[in-house]
Amino acid sequence: MIGRLGREGVLASVSATKIAAVVLAGLLVAAATVAEHLLDAPTVFVAGLSLASLALTGGPIIYEALKGLVRLRTNVDELVSLA
């Protein structure tokens, strides 16, 4: 990500879709926390909410990492994907 976000003008290219995905991911984490601690929801339900949040925020990183590996151009995305 640092390689992609290191260029000038990147902040202006953040779309409303990306912002909405981050907000939705945060809401899913909050919902998972409430479901686990206040509602005593089943573990499968809490894990589903958490995994949905992870997919929204981690999916693009993994996609960019794979795309970079195919093009033989590596950056921080590969390290983040492994972590």
C-alpha atoms as a PDB file:
ATOM      1  CA  MET A   1       0.000   0.000   0.000  1.00  0.00           C
ATOM      2  CA  ILE A   2       2.788   2.410   0.716  1.00  0.00           C
ATOM      3  CA  GLY A   3       3.949   2.064  -2.866  1.00  0.00           C
ATOM      4  CA  ARG A   4       0.504   2.892  -4.217  1.00  0.00           C
ATOM      5  CA  LEU A   5      -0.267   5.578  -1.670  1.00  0.00           C
ATOM      6  CA  GLY A   6       3.105   7.251  -1.948  1.00  0.00           C
ATOM      7  CA  ARG A   7       2.196   9.031  -5.181  1.00  0.00           C
ATOM      8  CA  GLU A   8       0.825  12.543  -5.255  1.00  0.00           C
ATOM      9  CA  GLY A   9      -2.891  13.101  -5.607  1.00  0.00           C
ATOM     10  CA  VAL A  10      -3.900   9.697  -4.288  1.00  0.00           C
ATOM     11  CA  LEU A  11      -6.124  11.139  -1.582  1.00  0.00           C
ATOM     12  CA  ALA A  12      -8.251  12.816  -4.236  1.00  0.00           C
ATOM     13  CA  SER A  13      -8.811   9.439  -5.908  1.00  0.00           C
ATOM     14  CA  VAL A  14     -10.465   7.852  -2.861  1.00  0.00           C
ATOM     15  CA  SER A  15     -13.954   7.063  -4.056  1.00  0.00           C
ATOM     16  CA  ALA A  16     -17.196   7.130  -2.130  1.00  0.00           C
ATOM     17  CA  THR A  17     -17.367   3.357  -2.626  1.00  0.00           C
ATOM     18  CA  LYS A  18     -14.088   2.834  -0.750  1.00  0.00           C
ATOM     19  CA  ILE A  19     -15.207   5.103   2.065  1.00  0.00           C
ATOM     20  CA  ALA A  20     -18.530   3.270   2.295  1.00  0.00           C
ATOM     21  CA  ALA A  21     -16.710  -0.082   2.450  1.00  0.00           C
ATOM     22  CA  VAL A  22     -14.571   1.093   5.364  1.00  0.00           C
ATOM     23  CA  VAL A  23     -17.592   2.489   7.201  1.00  0.00           C
ATOM     24  CA  LEU A  24     -19.528  -0.742   6.625  1.00  0.00           C
ATOM     25  CA  ALA A  25     -16.557  -2.792   7.838  1.00  0.00           C
ATOM     26  CA  GLY A  26     -16.435  -0.711  11.018  1.00  0.00           C
ATOM     27  CA  LEU A  27     -20.152  -1.222  11.562  1.00  0.00           C
ATOM     28  CA  LEU A  28     -19.727  -4.966  11.103  1.00  0.00           C
ATOM     29  CA  VAL A  29     -16.967  -5.049  13.728  1.00  0.00           C
ATOM     30  CA  ALA A  30     -19.165  -3.046  16.109  1.00  0.00           C
ATOM     31  CA  ALA A  31     -22.088  -5.391  15.443  1.00  0.00           C
ATOM     32  CA  ALA A  32     -19.886  -8.430  16.079  1.00  0.00           C
ATOM     33  CA  THR A  33     -18.694  -6.942  19.371  1.00  0.00           C
ATOM     34  CA  VAL A  34     -22.240  -6.169  20.503  1.00  0.00           C
ATOM     35  CA  ALA A  35     -23.473  -9.595  19.393  1.00  0.00           C
ATOM     36  CA  GLU A  36     -20.713 -11.359  21.293  1.00  0.00           C
ATOM     37  CA  HIS A  37     -20.689  -9.421  24.540  1.00  0.00           C
ATOM     38  CA  LEU A  38     -24.219  -8.111  24.974  1.00  0.00           C
ATOM     39  CA  LEU A  39     -26.425 -10.533  23.066  1.00  0.00           C
ATOM     40  CA  ASP A  40     -24.497 -13.771  23.661  1.00  0.00           C
ATOM     41  CA  ALA A  41     -24.957 -14.609  19.989  1.00  0.00           C
ATOM     42  CA  PRO A  42     -23.667 -17.916  18.637  1.00  0.00           C
ATOM     43  CA  THR A  43     -19.984 -17.961  17.789  1.00  0.00           C
ATOM     44  CA  VAL A  44     -20.759 -18.735  14.145  1.00  0.00           C
ATOM     45  CA  PHE A  45     -22.774 -15.520  13.830  1.00  0.00           C
ATOM     46  CA  VAL A  46     -20.059 -13.391  15.443  1.00  0.00           C
ATOM     47  CA  ALA A  47     -17.394 -15.018  13.278  1.00  0.00           C
ATOM     48  CA  GLY A  48     -19.503 -14.380  10.170  1.00  0.00           C
ATOM     49  CA  LEU A  49     -19.784 -10.678  10.950  1.00  0.00           C
ATOM     50  CA  SER A  50     -16.056 -10.483  11.642  1.00  0.00           C
ATOM     51  CA  LEU A  51     -15.140 -12.319   8.449  1.00  0.00           C
ATOM     52  CA  ALA A  52     -17.408 -10.067   6.398  1.00  0.00           C
ATOM     53  CA  SER A  53     -15.575  -7.056   7.800  1.00  0.00           C
ATOM     54  CA  LEU A  54     -12.234  -8.682   7.046  1.00  0.00           C
ATOM     55  CA  ALA A  55     -13.296  -9.427   3.474  1.00  0.00           C
ATOM     56  CA  LEU A  56     -14.325  -5.809   2.886  1.00  0.00           C
ATOM     57  CA  THR A  57     -11.062  -4.355   4.128  1.00  0.00           C
ATOM     58  CA  GLY A  58      -8.573  -7.122   3.390  1.00  0.00           C
ATOM     59  CA  GLY A  59      -9.883  -8.287   0.040  1.00  0.00           C
ATOM     60  CA  PRO A  60      -8.567  -5.321  -1.953  1.00  0.00           C
ATOM     61  CA  ILE A  61      -5.128  -5.676  -0.350  1.00  0.00           C
ATOM     62  CA  ILE A  62      -4.910  -9.351  -1.252  1.00  0.00           C
ATOM     63  CA  TYR A  63      -6.159  -8.610  -4.781  1.00  0.00           C
ATOM     64  CA  GLU A  64      -3.491  -5.933  -5.300  1.00  0.00           C
ATOM     65  CA  ALA A  65      -0.827  -8.250  -3.872  1.00  0.00           C
ATOM     66  CA  LEU A  66      -1.744 -11.018  -6.293  1.00  0.00           C
ATOM     67  CA  LYS A  67      -1.869  -8.554  -9.180  1.00  0.00           C
ATOM     68  CA  GLY A  68       1.591  -7.278  -8.240  1.00  0.00           C
ATOM     69  CA  LEU A  69       3.014 -10.784  -8.027  1.00  0.00           C
ATOM     70  CA  VAL A  70       1.657 -11.659 -11.468  1.00  0.00           C
ATOM     71  CA  ARG A  71       3.307  -8.531 -12.883  1.00  0.00           C
ATOM     72  CA  LEU A  72       6.509  -9.230 -10.906  1.00  0.00           C
ATOM     73  CA  ARG A  73       6.182  -5.860  -9.168  1.00  0.00           C
ATOM     74  CA  THR A  74       6.186  -6.240  -5.407  1.00  0.00           C
ATOM     75  CA  ASN A  75       5.264  -3.753  -2.723  1.00  0.00           C
ATOM     76  CA  VAL A  76       3.995  -3.745   0.850  1.00  0.00           C
ATOM     77  CA  ASP A  77       0.707  -5.450  -0.135  1.00  0.00           C
ATOM     78  CA  GLU A  78       2.450  -8.826  -0.224  1.00  0.00           C
ATOM     79  CA  LEU A  79       3.736  -8.401   3.325  1.00  0.00           C
ATOM     80  CA  VAL A  80       0.346  -7.256   4.612  1.00  0.00           C
ATOM     81  CA  SER A  81      -1.335 -10.206   2.901  1.00  0.00           C
ATOM     82  CA  LEU A  82       0.996 -12.628   4.644  1.00  0.00           C
ATOM     83  CA  ALA A  83       0.411 -11.034   8.014  1.00  0.00           C
END
